[in-house]
């Protein structure tokens, strides 16, 4: 009888431990950093940077804008758009001051960096 109770206790403890560990997954940030440099490789501040994807009305549309800071970097946070378990995130066009200057592949739950020269 004692062995059965001991086995039940161990099984229950193990079940609780496994379920609590598996439910502790925390989604990591999905961030894009765009650094804008001039032709002399100097950072450019106070520029509007736009990341955009929208080929047609039926597609998922991403359109975010940020301003470069003193180091010439605009930071975009995509946490609200990325869903856990999603395979891949997006490849977006980079516009600076309204002109297309490049593309960036944004990786899920990572910080993706891209430098553009204007």
PDB file of N, CA and C in Angstrom:
ATOM      1  N   UNK A   1       0.825  -1.191   0.000  1.00  0.00           N
ATOM      2  CA  UNK A   1       0.000   0.000   0.000  1.00  0.00           C
ATOM      3  C   UNK A   1       0.866   1.250   0.000  1.00  0.00           C
ATOM      4  N   UNK A   2       1.933   1.227   0.852  1.00  0.00           N
ATOM      5  CA  UNK A   2       2.805   2.389   0.923  1.00  0.00           C
ATOM      6  C   UNK A   2       3.514   2.619  -0.400  1.00  0.00           C
ATOM      7  N   UNK A   3       3.886   1.561  -1.078  1.00  0.00           N
ATOM      8  CA  UNK A   3       4.567   1.679  -2.361  1.00  0.00           C
ATOM      9  C   UNK A   3       3.635   2.302  -3.391  1.00  0.00           C
ATOM     10  N   UNK A   4       2.395   1.945  -3.416  1.00  0.00           N
ATOM     11  CA  UNK A   4       1.419   2.506  -4.350  1.00  0.00           C
ATOM     12  C   UNK A   4       1.226   3.998  -4.094  1.00  0.00           C
ATOM     13  N   UNK A   5       1.080   4.382  -2.844  1.00  0.00           N
ATOM     14  CA  UNK A   5       0.931   5.798  -2.508  1.00  0.00           C
ATOM     15  C   UNK A   5       2.187   6.585  -2.888  1.00  0.00           C
ATOM     16  N   UNK A   6       3.328   5.977  -2.647  1.00  0.00           N
ATOM     17  CA  UNK A   6       4.587   6.628  -3.004  1.00  0.00           C
ATOM     18  C   UNK A   6       4.678   6.806  -4.521  1.00  0.00           C
ATOM     19  N   UNK A   7       4.291   5.807  -5.291  1.00  0.00           N
ATOM     20  CA  UNK A   7       4.319   5.888  -6.751  1.00  0.00           C
ATOM     21  C   UNK A   7       3.339   6.952  -7.265  1.00  0.00           C
ATOM     22  N   UNK A   8       2.160   7.014  -6.682  1.00  0.00           N
ATOM     23  CA  UNK A   8       1.173   8.023  -7.068  1.00  0.00           C
ATOM     24  C   UNK A   8       1.706   9.415  -6.770  1.00  0.00           C
ATOM     25  N   UNK A   9       2.309   9.573  -5.602  1.00  0.00           N
ATOM     26  CA  UNK A   9       2.875  10.871  -5.228  1.00  0.00           C
ATOM     27  C   UNK A   9       3.982  11.288  -6.207  1.00  0.00           C
ATOM     28  N   UNK A  10       4.886  10.364  -6.514  1.00  0.00           N
ATOM     29  CA  UNK A  10       5.978  10.664  -7.447  1.00  0.00           C
ATOM     30  C   UNK A  10       5.444  10.996  -8.838  1.00  0.00           C
ATOM     31  N   UNK A  11       4.464  10.230  -9.314  1.00  0.00           N
ATOM     32  CA  UNK A  11       3.877  10.485 -10.624  1.00  0.00           C
ATOM     33  C   UNK A  11       3.201  11.848 -10.660  1.00  0.00           C
ATOM     34  N   UNK A  12       2.450  12.185  -9.630  1.00  0.00           N
ATOM     35  CA  UNK A  12       1.767  13.480  -9.565  1.00  0.00           C
ATOM     36  C   UNK A  12       2.772  14.621  -9.518  1.00  0.00           C
ATOM     37  N   UNK A  13       3.808  14.486  -8.728  1.00  0.00           N
ATOM     38  CA  UNK A  13       4.853  15.504  -8.628  1.00  0.00           C
ATOM     39  C   UNK A  13       5.535  15.701  -9.973  1.00  0.00           C
ATOM     40  N   UNK A  14       5.862  14.614 -10.626  1.00  0.00           N
ATOM     41  CA  UNK A  14       6.504  14.682 -11.944  1.00  0.00           C
ATOM     42  C   UNK A  14       5.588  15.345 -12.963  1.00  0.00           C
ATOM     43  N   UNK A  15       4.320  15.016 -12.954  1.00  0.00           N
ATOM     44  CA  UNK A  15       3.345  15.612 -13.877  1.00  0.00           C
ATOM     45  C   UNK A  15       3.229  17.124 -13.663  1.00  0.00           C
ATOM     46  N   UNK A  16       3.156  17.545 -12.411  1.00  0.00           N
ATOM     47  CA  UNK A  16       3.074  18.975 -12.098  1.00  0.00           C
ATOM     48  C   UNK A  16       4.357  19.686 -12.531  1.00  0.00           C
ATOM     49  N   UNK A  17       5.500  19.100 -12.290  1.00  0.00           N
ATOM     50  CA  UNK A  17       6.779  19.693 -12.663  1.00  0.00           C
ATOM     51  C   UNK A  17       6.894  19.856 -14.178  1.00  0.00           C
ATOM     52  N   UNK A  18       6.550  18.826 -14.931  1.00  0.00           N
ATOM     53  CA  UNK A  18       6.641  18.879 -16.390  1.00  0.00           C
ATOM     54  C   UNK A  18       5.679  19.920 -16.960  1.00  0.00           C
ATOM     55  N   UNK A  19       4.466  19.962 -16.454  1.00  0.00           N
ATOM     56  CA  UNK A  19       3.495  20.931 -16.981  1.00  0.00           C
ATOM     57  C   UNK A  19       3.878  22.357 -16.625  1.00  0.00           C
ATOM     58  N   UNK A  20       4.478  22.581 -15.483  1.00  0.00           N
ATOM     59  CA  UNK A  20       4.875  23.946 -15.118  1.00  0.00           C
ATOM     60  C   UNK A  20       6.085  24.408 -15.915  1.00  0.00           C
ATOM     61  N   UNK A  21       6.991  23.514 -16.243  1.00  0.00           N
ATOM     62  CA  UNK A  21       8.164  23.889 -17.038  1.00  0.00           C
ATOM     63  C   UNK A  21       7.754  24.218 -18.465  1.00  0.00           C
ATOM     64  N   UNK A  22       6.873  23.431 -19.049  1.00  0.00           N
ATOM     65  CA  UNK A  22       6.478  23.659 -20.435  1.00  0.00           C
ATOM     66  C   UNK A  22       5.649  24.917 -20.596  1.00  0.00           C
ATOM     67  N   UNK A  23       5.002  25.400 -19.556  1.00  0.00           N
ATOM     68  CA  UNK A  23       4.178  26.598 -19.670  1.00  0.00           C
ATOM     69  C   UNK A  23       4.965  27.872 -19.375  1.00  0.00           C
ATOM     70  N   UNK A  24       6.268  27.785 -19.154  1.00  0.00           N
ATOM     71  CA  UNK A  24       7.075  28.955 -18.826  1.00  0.00           C
ATOM     72  C   UNK A  24       7.722  29.598 -20.053  1.00  0.00           C
ATOM     73  N   UNK A  25       7.369  29.161 -21.255  1.00  0.00           N
ATOM     74  CA  UNK A  25       7.958  29.733 -22.457  1.00  0.00           C
ATOM     75  C   UNK A  25       7.582  31.198 -22.566  1.00  0.00           C
ATOM     76  N   UNK A  26       8.589  32.043 -22.726  1.00  0.00           N
ATOM     77  CA  UNK A  26       8.355  33.471 -22.910  1.00  0.00           C
ATOM     78  C   UNK A  26       8.763  33.846 -24.317  1.00  0.00           C
ATOM     79  N   UNK A  27       7.870  34.509 -25.018  1.00  0.00           N
ATOM     80  CA  UNK A  27       8.157  34.961 -26.365  1.00  0.00           C
ATOM     81  C   UNK A  27       9.217  36.055 -26.299  1.00  0.00           C
ATOM     82  N   UNK A  28      10.243  35.945 -27.160  1.00  0.00           N
ATOM     83  CA  UNK A  28      11.304  36.949 -27.214  1.00  0.00           C
ATOM     84  C   UNK A  28      10.894  38.081 -28.149  1.00  0.00           C
ATOM     85  N   UNK A  29      11.579  39.207 -28.035  1.00  0.00           N
ATOM     86  CA  UNK A  29      11.274  40.375 -28.860  1.00  0.00           C
ATOM     87  C   UNK A  29      11.635  40.140 -30.327  1.00  0.00           C
ATOM     88  N   UNK A  30      10.800  40.674 -31.209  1.00  0.00           N
ATOM     89  CA  UNK A  30      11.068  40.703 -32.648  1.00  0.00           C
ATOM     90  C   UNK A  30      11.294  42.167 -33.004  1.00  0.00           C
ATOM     91  N   UNK A  31      12.572  42.531 -33.219  1.00  0.00           N
ATOM     92  CA  UNK A  31      12.986  43.926 -33.381  1.00  0.00           C
ATOM     93  C   UNK A  31      13.709  44.097 -34.716  1.00  0.00           C
ATOM     94  N   UNK A  32      13.532  45.268 -35.332  1.00  0.00           N
ATOM     95  CA  UNK A  32      14.305  45.640 -36.524  1.00  0.00           C
ATOM     96  C   UNK A  32      14.972  46.982 -36.254  1.00  0.00           C
ATOM     97  N   UNK A  33      16.279  47.040 -36.479  1.00  0.00           N
ATOM     98  CA  UNK A  33      17.047  48.281 -36.351  1.00  0.00           C
ATOM     99  C   UNK A  33      17.535  48.685 -37.737  1.00  0.00           C
ATOM    100  N   UNK A  34      17.185  49.895 -38.158  1.00  0.00           N
ATOM    101  CA  UNK A  34      17.633  50.430 -39.439  1.00  0.00           C
ATOM    102  C   UNK A  34      18.554  51.600 -39.143  1.00  0.00           C
ATOM    103  N   UNK A  35      19.811  51.487 -39.570  1.00  0.00           N
ATOM    104  CA  UNK A  35      20.782  52.565 -39.393  1.00  0.00           C
ATOM    105  C   UNK A  35      20.971  53.268 -40.733  1.00  0.00           C
ATOM    106  N   UNK A  36      20.827  54.592 -40.712  1.00  0.00           N
ATOM    107  CA  UNK A  36      20.945  55.391 -41.928  1.00  0.00           C
ATOM    108  C   UNK A  36      22.241  56.200 -41.868  1.00  0.00           C
ATOM    109  N   UNK A  37      23.087  56.007 -42.883  1.00  0.00           N
ATOM    110  CA  UNK A  37      24.361  56.723 -42.993  1.00  0.00           C
ATOM    111  C   UNK A  37      24.366  57.561 -44.259  1.00  0.00           C
ATOM    112  N   UNK A  38      25.162  58.639 -44.234  1.00  0.00           N
ATOM    113  CA  UNK A  38      25.350  59.406 -45.472  1.00  0.00           C
ATOM    114  C   UNK A  38      26.519  58.794 -46.240  1.00  0.00           C
ATOM    115  N   UNK A  39      26.894  59.380 -47.380  1.00  0.00           N
ATOM    116  CA  UNK A  39      27.951  58.802 -48.214  1.00  0.00           C
ATOM    117  C   UNK A  39      29.312  58.817 -47.530  1.00  0.00           C
ATOM    118  N   UNK A  40      29.470  59.621 -46.494  1.00  0.00           N
ATOM    119  CA  UNK A  40      30.716  59.663 -45.717  1.00  0.00           C
ATOM    120  C   UNK A  40      30.673  58.709 -44.518  1.00  0.00           C
ATOM    121  N   UNK A  41      29.681  57.810 -44.493  1.00  0.00           N
ATOM    122  CA  UNK A  41      29.478  56.854 -43.406  1.00  0.00           C
ATOM    123  C   UNK A  41      29.236  57.508 -42.050  1.00  0.00           C
ATOM    124  N   UNK A  42      28.587  58.660 -42.070  1.00  0.00           N
ATOM    125  CA  UNK A  42      28.212  59.348 -40.834  1.00  0.00           C
ATOM    126  C   UNK A  42      26.730  59.108 -40.572  1.00  0.00           C
ATOM    127  N   UNK A  43      26.356  58.821 -39.322  1.00  0.00           N
ATOM    128  CA  UNK A  43      24.939  58.587 -39.010  1.00  0.00           C
ATOM    129  C   UNK A  43      24.106  59.843 -39.234  1.00  0.00           C
ATOM    130  N   UNK A  44      22.905  59.636 -39.745  1.00  0.00           N
ATOM    131  CA  UNK A  44      21.993  60.749 -40.012  1.00  0.00           C
ATOM    132  C   UNK A  44      20.807  60.667 -39.055  1.00  0.00           C
ATOM    133  N   UNK A  45      20.580  61.738 -38.313  1.00  0.00           N
ATOM    134  CA  UNK A  45      19.494  61.754 -37.332  1.00  0.00           C
ATOM    135  C   UNK A  45      18.290  62.521 -37.864  1.00  0.00           C
ATOM    136  N   UNK A  46      17.165  62.333 -37.180  1.00  0.00           N
ATOM    137  CA  UNK A  46      15.898  63.014 -37.470  1.00  0.00           C
ATOM    138  C   UNK A  46      15.372  62.755 -38.878  1.00  0.00           C
ATOM    139  N   UNK A  47      15.595  61.536 -39.385  1.00  0.00           N
ATOM    140  CA  UNK A  47      15.033  61.144 -40.675  1.00  0.00           C
ATOM    141  C   UNK A  47      13.896  60.154 -40.445  1.00  0.00           C
ATOM    142  N   UNK A  48      12.865  60.247 -41.261  1.00  0.00           N
ATOM    143  CA  UNK A  48      11.745  59.325 -41.167  1.00  0.00           C
ATOM    144  C   UNK A  48      12.066  58.051 -41.946  1.00  0.00           C
ATOM    145  N   UNK A  49      11.990  56.918 -41.248  1.00  0.00           N
ATOM    146  CA  UNK A  49      12.224  55.607 -41.856  1.00  0.00           C
ATOM    147  C   UNK A  49      10.907  54.840 -41.809  1.00  0.00           C
ATOM    148  N   UNK A  50      10.556  54.251 -42.938  1.00  0.00           N
ATOM    149  CA  UNK A  50       9.306  53.505 -43.037  1.00  0.00           C
ATOM    150  C   UNK A  50       9.611  52.076 -43.485  1.00  0.00           C
ATOM    151  N   UNK A  51       9.054  51.107 -42.768  1.00  0.00           N
ATOM    152  CA  UNK A  51       9.114  49.709 -43.175  1.00  0.00           C
ATOM    153  C   UNK A  51       7.723  49.347 -43.663  1.00  0.00           C
ATOM    154  N   UNK A  52       7.676  48.788 -44.876  1.00  0.00           N
ATOM    155  CA  UNK A  52       6.385  48.632 -45.525  1.00  0.00           C
ATOM    156  C   UNK A  52       6.306  47.321 -46.288  1.00  0.00           C
ATOM    157  N   UNK A  53       5.156  46.667 -46.176  1.00  0.00           N
ATOM    158  CA  UNK A  53       4.826  45.519 -47.011  1.00  0.00           C
ATOM    159  C   UNK A  53       3.335  45.549 -47.258  1.00  0.00           C
ATOM    160  N   UNK A  54       2.950  45.502 -48.495  1.00  0.00           N
ATOM    161  CA  UNK A  54       1.530  45.470 -48.834  1.00  0.00           C
ATOM    162  C   UNK A  54       1.371  45.354 -50.330  1.00  0.00           C
ATOM    163  N   UNK A  55       1.333  44.121 -50.826  1.00  0.00           N
ATOM    164  CA  UNK A  55       1.258  43.935 -52.269  1.00  0.00           C
ATOM    165  C   UNK A  55      -0.152  44.044 -52.806  1.00  0.00           C
ATOM    166  N   UNK A  56      -1.132  43.612 -52.027  1.00  0.00           N
ATOM    167  CA  UNK A  56      -2.524  43.754 -52.459  1.00  0.00           C
ATOM    168  C   UNK A  56      -3.436  43.771 -51.235  1.00  0.00           C
ATOM    169  N   UNK A  57      -4.688  44.019 -51.479  1.00  0.00           N
ATOM    170  CA  UNK A  57      -5.637  44.169 -50.367  1.00  0.00           C
ATOM    171  C   UNK A  57      -5.825  42.886 -49.576  1.00  0.00           C
ATOM    172  N   UNK A  58      -5.546  41.730 -50.175  1.00  0.00           N
ATOM    173  CA  UNK A  58      -5.744  40.459 -49.486  1.00  0.00           C
ATOM    174  C   UNK A  58      -4.558  40.050 -48.626  1.00  0.00           C
ATOM    175  N   UNK A  59      -3.393  40.684 -48.804  1.00  0.00           N
ATOM    176  CA  UNK A  59      -2.201  40.272 -48.070  1.00  0.00           C
ATOM    177  C   UNK A  59      -2.164  40.922 -46.694  1.00  0.00           C
ATOM    178  N   UNK A  60      -1.335  40.339 -45.830  1.00  0.00           N
ATOM    179  CA  UNK A  60      -1.107  40.957 -44.522  1.00  0.00           C
ATOM    180  C   UNK A  60      -0.340  42.255 -44.763  1.00  0.00           C
ATOM    181  N   UNK A  61      -0.785  43.331 -44.191  1.00  0.00           N
ATOM    182  CA  UNK A  61      -0.173  44.622 -44.462  1.00  0.00           C
ATOM    183  C   UNK A  61       0.611  45.091 -43.247  1.00  0.00           C
ATOM    184  N   UNK A  62       1.873  45.434 -43.461  1.00  0.00           N
ATOM    185  CA  UNK A  62       2.719  45.994 -42.412  1.00  0.00           C
ATOM    186  C   UNK A  62       3.172  47.359 -42.900  1.00  0.00           C
ATOM    187  N   UNK A  63       2.980  48.359 -42.085  1.00  0.00           N
ATOM    188  CA  UNK A  63       3.372  49.721 -42.431  1.00  0.00           C
ATOM    189  C   UNK A  63       3.712  50.447 -41.136  1.00  0.00           C
ATOM    190  N   UNK A  64       5.016  50.553 -40.837  1.00  0.00           N
ATOM    191  CA  UNK A  64       5.472  51.190 -39.597  1.00  0.00           C
ATOM    192  C   UNK A  64       6.457  52.297 -39.923  1.00  0.00           C
ATOM    193  N   UNK A  65       6.428  53.345 -39.135  1.00  0.00           N
ATOM    194  CA  UNK A  65       7.321  54.485 -39.320  1.00  0.00           C
ATOM    195  C   UNK A  65       7.994  54.814 -37.995  1.00  0.00           C
ATOM    196  N   UNK A  66       9.293  55.171 -38.079  1.00  0.00           N
ATOM    197  CA  UNK A  66      10.052  55.619 -36.903  1.00  0.00           C
ATOM    198  C   UNK A  66      11.047  56.673 -37.367  1.00  0.00           C
ATOM    199  N   UNK A  67      11.585  57.421 -36.416  1.00  0.00           N
ATOM    200  CA  UNK A  67      12.557  58.474 -36.709  1.00  0.00           C
ATOM    201  C   UNK A  67      13.921  58.055 -36.184  1.00  0.00           C
ATOM    202  N   UNK A  68      14.965  58.329 -36.975  1.00  0.00           N
ATOM    203  CA  UNK A  68      16.319  57.989 -36.539  1.00  0.00           C
ATOM    204  C   UNK A  68      16.734  58.885 -35.379  1.00  0.00           C
ATOM    205  N   UNK A  69      17.472  58.301 -34.459  1.00  0.00           N
ATOM    206  CA  UNK A  69      17.984  59.047 -33.315  1.00  0.00           C
ATOM    207  C   UNK A  69      19.366  59.603 -33.615  1.00  0.00           C
ATOM    208  N   UNK A  70      20.067  60.015 -32.576  1.00  0.00           N
ATOM    209  CA  UNK A  70      21.392  60.614 -32.714  1.00  0.00           C
ATOM    210  C   UNK A  70      22.427  59.717 -33.359  1.00  0.00           C
ATOM    211  N   UNK A  71      22.271  58.387 -33.202  1.00  0.00           N
ATOM    212  CA  UNK A  71      23.206  57.444 -33.817  1.00  0.00           C
ATOM    213  C   UNK A  71      22.781  57.018 -35.203  1.00  0.00           C
ATOM    214  N   UNK A  72      21.708  57.623 -35.724  1.00  0.00           N
ATOM    215  CA  UNK A  72      21.234  57.304 -37.063  1.00  0.00           C
ATOM    216  C   UNK A  72      20.393  56.045 -37.139  1.00  0.00           C
ATOM    217  N   UNK A  73      19.924  55.532 -36.000  1.00  0.00           N
ATOM    218  CA  UNK A  73      19.176  54.273 -35.999  1.00  0.00           C
ATOM    219  C   UNK A  73      17.712  54.494 -35.642  1.00  0.00           C
ATOM    220  N   UNK A  74      16.848  53.888 -36.442  1.00  0.00           N
ATOM    221  CA  UNK A  74      15.413  53.837 -36.159  1.00  0.00           C
ATOM    222  C   UNK A  74      15.112  52.423 -35.675  1.00  0.00           C
ATOM    223  N   UNK A  75      14.341  52.317 -34.599  1.00  0.00           N
ATOM    224  CA  UNK A  75      14.058  51.015 -33.975  1.00  0.00           C
ATOM    225  C   UNK A  75      12.573  50.699 -34.138  1.00  0.00           C
ATOM    226  N   UNK A  76      12.310  49.476 -34.621  1.00  0.00           N
ATOM    227  CA  UNK A  76      10.945  49.012 -34.835  1.00  0.00           C
ATOM    228  C   UNK A  76      10.716  47.764 -33.999  1.00  0.00           C
ATOM    229  N   UNK A  77       9.591  47.725 -33.280  1.00  0.00           N
ATOM    230  CA  UNK A  77       9.236  46.575 -32.450  1.00  0.00           C
ATOM    231  C   UNK A  77       8.012  45.898 -33.079  1.00  0.00           C
ATOM    232  N   UNK A  78       8.151  44.611 -33.404  1.00  0.00           N
ATOM    233  CA  UNK A  78       7.078  43.866 -34.053  1.00  0.00           C
ATOM    234  C   UNK A  78       6.453  42.820 -33.136  1.00  0.00           C
ATOM    235  N   UNK A  79       6.590  42.986 -31.827  1.00  0.00           N
ATOM    236  CA  UNK A  79       6.059  41.995 -30.886  1.00  0.00           C
ATOM    237  C   UNK A  79       4.560  41.777 -31.055  1.00  0.00           C
ATOM    238  N   UNK A  80       3.807  42.826 -31.315  1.00  0.00           N
ATOM    239  CA  UNK A  80       2.357  42.683 -31.407  1.00  0.00           C
ATOM    240  C   UNK A  80       1.932  41.995 -32.702  1.00  0.00           C
ATOM    241  N   UNK A  81       2.799  41.967 -33.713  1.00  0.00           N
ATOM    242  CA  UNK A  81       2.456  41.327 -34.990  1.00  0.00           C
ATOM    243  C   UNK A  81       2.930  39.881 -35.077  1.00  0.00           C
ATOM    244  N   UNK A  82       3.993  39.545 -34.332  1.00  0.00           N
ATOM    245  CA  UNK A  82       4.528  38.188 -34.379  1.00  0.00           C
ATOM    246  C   UNK A  82       3.778  37.296 -33.400  1.00  0.00           C
ATOM    247  N   UNK A  83       3.349  36.147 -33.868  1.00  0.00           N
ATOM    248  CA  UNK A  83       2.661  35.158 -33.025  1.00  0.00           C
ATOM    249  C   UNK A  83       3.594  33.977 -32.785  1.00  0.00           C
ATOM    250  N   UNK A  84       3.680  33.504 -31.559  1.00  0.00           N
ATOM    251  CA  UNK A  84       4.539  32.362 -31.220  1.00  0.00           C
ATOM    252  C   UNK A  84       4.206  31.175 -32.104  1.00  0.00           C
ATOM    253  N   UNK A  85       5.250  30.502 -32.586  1.00  0.00           N
ATOM    254  CA  UNK A  85       5.066  29.346 -33.437  1.00  0.00           C
ATOM    255  C   UNK A  85       5.019  29.678 -34.916  1.00  0.00           C
ATOM    256  N   UNK A  86       4.918  30.950 -35.236  1.00  0.00           N
ATOM    257  CA  UNK A  86       4.882  31.384 -36.631  1.00  0.00           C
ATOM    258  C   UNK A  86       6.233  31.096 -37.272  1.00  0.00           C
ATOM    259  N   UNK A  87       6.243  30.527 -38.449  1.00  0.00           N
ATOM    260  CA  UNK A  87       7.490  30.227 -39.155  1.00  0.00           C
ATOM    261  C   UNK A  87       7.844  31.398 -40.049  1.00  0.00           C
ATOM    262  N   UNK A  88       8.899  32.112 -39.697  1.00  0.00           N
ATOM    263  CA  UNK A  88       9.301  33.291 -40.462  1.00  0.00           C
ATOM    264  C   UNK A  88       8.462  34.488 -40.073  1.00  0.00           C
ATOM    265  N   UNK A  89       8.928  35.667 -40.445  1.00  0.00           N
ATOM    266  CA  UNK A  89       8.128  36.843 -40.130  1.00  0.00           C
ATOM    267  C   UNK A  89       7.858  37.668 -41.375  1.00  0.00           C
ATOM    268  N   UNK A  90       8.856  38.431 -41.868  1.00  0.00           N
ATOM    269  CA  UNK A  90       8.572  39.294 -43.012  1.00  0.00           C
ATOM    270  C   UNK A  90       9.850  39.767 -43.680  1.00  0.00           C
ATOM    271  N   UNK A  91       9.734  40.085 -44.959  1.00  0.00           N
ATOM    272  CA  UNK A  91      10.754  40.813 -45.699  1.00  0.00           C
ATOM    273  C   UNK A  91      10.085  42.119 -46.110  1.00  0.00           C
ATOM    274  N   UNK A  92      10.644  43.239 -45.634  1.00  0.00           N
ATOM    275  CA  UNK A  92       9.998  44.538 -45.813  1.00  0.00           C
ATOM    276  C   UNK A  92      10.876  45.493 -46.615  1.00  0.00           C
ATOM    277  N   UNK A  93      10.215  46.391 -47.346  1.00  0.00           N
ATOM    278  CA  UNK A  93      10.914  47.473 -48.032  1.00  0.00           C
ATOM    279  C   UNK A  93      11.277  48.549 -47.022  1.00  0.00           C
ATOM    280  N   UNK A  94      12.454  49.162 -47.205  1.00  0.00           N
ATOM    281  CA  UNK A  94      12.908  50.261 -46.347  1.00  0.00           C
ATOM    282  C   UNK A  94      12.820  51.551 -47.156  1.00  0.00           C
ATOM    283  N   UNK A  95      12.051  52.492 -46.658  1.00  0.00           N
ATOM    284  CA  UNK A  95      11.951  53.817 -47.255  1.00  0.00           C
ATOM    285  C   UNK A  95      12.552  54.821 -46.285  1.00  0.00           C
ATOM    286  N   UNK A  96      13.362  55.738 -46.789  1.00  0.00           N
ATOM    287  CA  UNK A  96      13.885  56.842 -45.984  1.00  0.00           C
ATOM    288  C   UNK A  96      13.479  58.123 -46.681  1.00  0.00           C
ATOM    289  N   UNK A  97      12.769  58.966 -45.945  1.00  0.00           N
ATOM    290  CA  UNK A  97      12.265  60.232 -46.470  1.00  0.00           C
ATOM    291  C   UNK A  97      11.478  60.013 -47.765  1.00  0.00           C
ATOM    292  N   UNK A  98      10.728  58.904 -47.828  1.00  0.00           N
ATOM    293  CA  UNK A  98       9.858  58.643 -48.964  1.00  0.00           C
ATOM    294  C   UNK A  98      10.489  57.918 -50.136  1.00  0.00           C
ATOM    295  N   UNK A  99      11.787  57.621 -50.086  1.00  0.00           N
ATOM    296  CA  UNK A  99      12.466  56.929 -51.188  1.00  0.00           C
ATOM    297  C   UNK A  99      12.850  55.515 -50.780  1.00  0.00           C
ATOM    298  N   UNK A 100      12.624  54.557 -51.672  1.00  0.00           N
ATOM    299  CA  UNK A 100      13.005  53.173 -51.419  1.00  0.00           C
ATOM    300  C   UNK A 100      14.522  53.059 -51.439  1.00  0.00           C
ATOM    301  N   UNK A 101      15.105  52.535 -50.337  1.00  0.00           N
ATOM    302  CA  UNK A 101      16.575  52.451 -50.243  1.00  0.00           C
ATOM    303  C   UNK A 101      17.075  51.037 -49.972  1.00  0.00           C
ATOM    304  N   UNK A 102      16.180  50.084 -49.736  1.00  0.00           N
ATOM    305  CA  UNK A 102      16.636  48.727 -49.465  1.00  0.00           C
ATOM    306  C   UNK A 102      15.529  47.850 -48.942  1.00  0.00           C
ATOM    307  N   UNK A 103      15.916  46.644 -48.513  1.00  0.00           N
ATOM    308  CA  UNK A 103      14.984  45.702 -47.904  1.00  0.00           C
ATOM    309  C   UNK A 103      15.622  45.127 -46.646  1.00  0.00           C
ATOM    310  N   UNK A 104      14.778  44.581 -45.780  1.00  0.00           N
ATOM    311  CA  UNK A 104      15.266  43.912 -44.577  1.00  0.00           C
ATOM    312  C   UNK A 104      14.448  42.651 -44.352  1.00  0.00           C
ATOM    313  N   UNK A 105      15.136  41.571 -44.008  1.00  0.00           N
ATOM    314  CA  UNK A 105      14.475  40.334 -43.610  1.00  0.00           C
ATOM    315  C   UNK A 105      14.422  40.329 -42.088  1.00  0.00           C
ATOM    316  N   UNK A 106      13.230  40.328 -41.565  1.00  0.00           N
ATOM    317  CA  UNK A 106      13.045  40.352 -40.118  1.00  0.00           C
ATOM    318  C   UNK A 106      12.833  38.929 -39.636  1.00  0.00           C
ATOM    319  N   UNK A 107      13.703  38.489 -38.733  1.00  0.00           N
ATOM    320  CA  UNK A 107      13.646  37.138 -38.175  1.00  0.00           C
ATOM    321  C   UNK A 107      12.793  37.145 -36.914  1.00  0.00           C
ATOM    322  N   UNK A 108      12.019  36.096 -36.745  1.00  0.00           N
ATOM    323  CA  UNK A 108      11.157  35.994 -35.580  1.00  0.00           C
ATOM    324  C   UNK A 108      11.973  35.841 -34.304  1.00  0.00           C
ATOM    325  N   UNK A 109      11.563  36.564 -33.261  1.00  0.00           N
ATOM    326  CA  UNK A 109      12.166  36.523 -31.929  1.00  0.00           C
ATOM    327  C   UNK A 109      13.666  36.827 -31.947  1.00  0.00           C
ATOM    328  N   UNK A 110      14.083  37.715 -32.830  1.00  0.00           N
ATOM    329  CA  UNK A 110      15.488  38.139 -32.927  1.00  0.00           C
ATOM    330  C   UNK A 110      15.518  39.637 -33.204  1.00  0.00           C
ATOM    331  N   UNK A 111      16.711  40.212 -33.089  1.00  0.00           N
ATOM    332  CA  UNK A 111      16.932  41.590 -33.510  1.00  0.00           C
ATOM    333  C   UNK A 111      17.615  41.556 -34.866  1.00  0.00           C
ATOM    334  N   UNK A 112      16.943  42.125 -35.866  1.00  0.00           N
ATOM    335  CA  UNK A 112      17.483  42.171 -37.232  1.00  0.00           C
ATOM    336  C   UNK A 112      18.003  43.565 -37.489  1.00  0.00           C
ATOM    337  N   UNK A 113      19.243  43.670 -37.986  1.00  0.00           N
ATOM    338  CA  UNK A 113      19.873  44.961 -38.240  1.00  0.00           C
ATOM    339  C   UNK A 113      20.133  45.141 -39.727  1.00  0.00           C
ATOM    340  N   UNK A 114      19.933  46.363 -40.212  1.00  0.00           N
ATOM    341  CA  UNK A 114      20.233  46.702 -41.601  1.00  0.00           C
ATOM    342  C   UNK A 114      20.773  48.125 -41.630  1.00  0.00           C
ATOM    343  N   UNK A 115      21.796  48.348 -42.443  1.00  0.00           N
ATOM    344  CA  UNK A 115      22.381  49.677 -42.625  1.00  0.00           C
ATOM    345  C   UNK A 115      22.158  50.104 -44.060  1.00  0.00           C
ATOM    346  N   UNK A 116      21.677  51.329 -44.233  1.00  0.00           N
ATOM    347  CA  UNK A 116      21.476  51.872 -45.578  1.00  0.00           C
ATOM    348  C   UNK A 116      22.262  53.163 -45.710  1.00  0.00           C
ATOM    349  N   UNK A 117      22.738  53.433 -46.908  1.00  0.00           N
ATOM    350  CA  UNK A 117      23.491  54.655 -47.188  1.00  0.00           C
ATOM    351  C   UNK A 117      22.671  55.481 -48.172  1.00  0.00           C
ATOM    352  N   UNK A 118      22.466  56.754 -47.810  1.00  0.00           N
ATOM    353  CA  UNK A 118      21.740  57.640 -48.725  1.00  0.00           C
ATOM    354  C   UNK A 118      22.583  58.831 -49.108  1.00  0.00           C
TER     355      UNK A 118
END
